[in-house]
Every structure is written in C-alpha cells, then in structure tokens.
Amino acid sequence: IRLRWKSGFSRSKVRWKPMGSDAKKLQEQVQATLGRIQELDDAAALKRLHENIHRHPDLEDVDREKLDEAIMKRLRIVSPSIATRLGGPPRRTSV
C-alpha cells in the first residue's frame, strides 16, 4: 500500500496518511500490492509490509486478510523462519 507524507512538514514530525480514502483507490492499491508481493524477495520488506497492513486504519478486514495470506505465503518461500515467527507454524492439511 502506497503512503505519502502530508505536504509541507518534515519527515520526523508527521505521521503517515493514506494516499486516498476513496474506496476505489484503496481497492486499486490493494490489487497493486497483491501483485507486488509476488515479486518481493526481501524478507525484511515483506515483514514491514505485514506490519503496515495491520496498522492501516482504512483497510477492511477482508482486504487485510487477503494481503496477510499473500504475504505469509510468500514469506514461507523466502524466509520460513520469519514466517513462523509472524504467523506460527504452517497449517497441516488433511489428505
């Protein structure tokens, strides 16, 4: 999810705010982020993204869960140890 700074302030004094609160823009950002997750190979970047989606106030639970699942799936490939620390051991599926 892309975020920007409020204009006119220094970075150290301002909190992040979402680019747009419009639901359509937010959905476009969610879709773009889902596509970007598959390209990320950096475990630290995936971990930061995981933290950011849980902090984002405008995300609906469905979108948050969708992003969380995609991040955890990618983390299990890139860095299983970080994935286990964030989401617990992988779920076992019955055969």
Protein backbone atom coordinates (compact mmCIF):
# COMPACT_ATOMS: atom_id res chain seq x y z
CA ILE A 1 0.00 0.00 0.00
CA ARG A 2 1.46 3.29 -1.02
CA LEU A 3 1.56 6.01 1.54
CA ARG A 4 2.66 9.62 1.34
CA TRP A 5 3.68 12.39 3.68
CA LYS A 6 1.47 15.36 4.38
CA SER A 7 2.96 18.14 2.33
CA GLY A 8 4.84 20.97 3.99
CA PHE A 9 6.17 19.10 7.03
CA SER A 10 9.43 17.38 7.80
CA ARG A 11 9.54 13.60 7.99
CA SER A 12 10.38 13.48 11.68
CA LYS A 13 7.30 15.35 12.84
CA VAL A 14 4.50 13.88 10.72
CA ARG A 15 2.68 10.57 10.72
CA TRP A 16 1.84 8.64 7.59
CA LYS A 17 -1.52 9.12 6.00
CA PRO A 18 -3.14 7.08 3.24
CA MET A 19 -2.96 8.49 -0.30
CA GLY A 20 -6.71 8.46 -0.67
CA SER A 21 -9.64 7.42 1.43
CA ASP A 22 -11.73 6.74 -1.61
CA ALA A 23 -12.74 3.08 -1.64
CA LYS A 24 -11.97 2.66 -5.33
CA LYS A 25 -8.43 3.96 -4.94
CA LEU A 26 -7.91 1.77 -1.90
CA GLN A 27 -9.04 -1.30 -3.87
CA GLU A 28 -6.61 -0.40 -6.66
CA GLN A 29 -3.82 -0.11 -4.09
CA VAL A 30 -4.73 -3.50 -2.60
CA GLN A 31 -4.63 -5.14 -6.04
CA ALA A 32 -1.31 -3.47 -6.89
CA THR A 33 0.15 -4.58 -3.56
CA LEU A 34 -1.01 -8.16 -4.13
CA GLY A 35 0.84 -8.17 -7.43
CA ARG A 36 3.94 -6.63 -5.88
CA ILE A 37 4.09 -9.21 -3.09
CA GLN A 38 4.81 -11.99 -5.59
CA GLU A 39 7.87 -10.08 -6.85
CA LEU A 40 9.40 -9.35 -3.43
CA ASP A 41 12.36 -11.49 -2.42
CA ASP A 42 13.42 -9.43 0.59
CA ALA A 43 12.16 -10.95 3.84
CA ALA A 44 12.59 -7.65 5.72
CA ALA A 45 10.44 -5.81 3.17
CA LEU A 46 7.73 -8.46 3.45
CA LYS A 47 7.85 -8.22 7.25
CA ARG A 48 7.49 -4.41 7.10
CA LEU A 49 4.59 -4.76 4.68
CA HIS A 50 2.94 -7.23 7.06
CA GLU A 51 3.26 -4.75 9.92
CA ASN A 52 1.97 -1.88 7.78
CA ILE A 53 -1.19 -3.66 6.65
CA HIS A 54 -2.13 -4.31 10.26
CA ARG A 55 -1.60 -0.63 11.11
CA HIS A 56 -3.52 0.78 8.15
CA PRO A 57 -6.80 2.20 9.53
CA ASP A 58 -8.78 2.26 6.26
CA LEU A 59 -8.32 -1.37 5.25
CA GLU A 60 -11.33 -3.61 5.58
CA ASP A 61 -10.88 -6.96 7.30
CA VAL A 62 -11.36 -8.87 4.04
CA ASP A 63 -8.60 -6.93 2.28
CA ARG A 64 -6.32 -7.15 5.31
CA GLU A 65 -6.79 -10.93 5.43
CA LYS A 66 -6.18 -11.25 1.67
CA LEU A 67 -2.92 -9.30 1.94
CA ASP A 68 -1.87 -11.15 5.07
CA GLU A 69 -2.36 -14.54 3.39
CA ALA A 70 -0.36 -13.46 0.32
CA ILE A 71 2.48 -12.13 2.48
CA MET A 72 2.63 -15.25 4.64
CA LYS A 73 2.58 -17.49 1.57
CA ARG A 74 5.49 -15.56 0.04
CA LEU A 75 7.38 -15.43 3.35
CA ARG A 76 7.15 -19.21 3.72
CA ILE A 77 9.08 -19.44 0.43
CA VAL A 78 11.57 -16.61 1.03
CA SER A 79 12.19 -16.97 4.77
CA PRO A 80 10.35 -19.74 6.63
CA SER A 81 11.81 -18.71 9.99
CA ILE A 82 10.36 -15.18 9.80
CA ALA A 83 7.04 -16.57 8.58
CA THR A 84 6.89 -18.88 11.59
CA ARG A 85 7.66 -16.01 13.98
CA LEU A 86 4.93 -13.84 12.46
CA GLY A 87 2.19 -16.37 11.81
CA GLY A 88 3.04 -19.51 13.71
CA PRO A 89 3.80 -22.90 12.23
CA PRO A 90 2.28 -23.75 8.84
CA ARG A 91 -1.15 -25.35 8.92
CA ARG A 92 -1.28 -29.04 8.20
CA THR A 93 -3.92 -30.07 5.70
CA SER A 94 -5.54 -33.47 5.85
CA VAL A 95 -5.00 -35.78 2.93
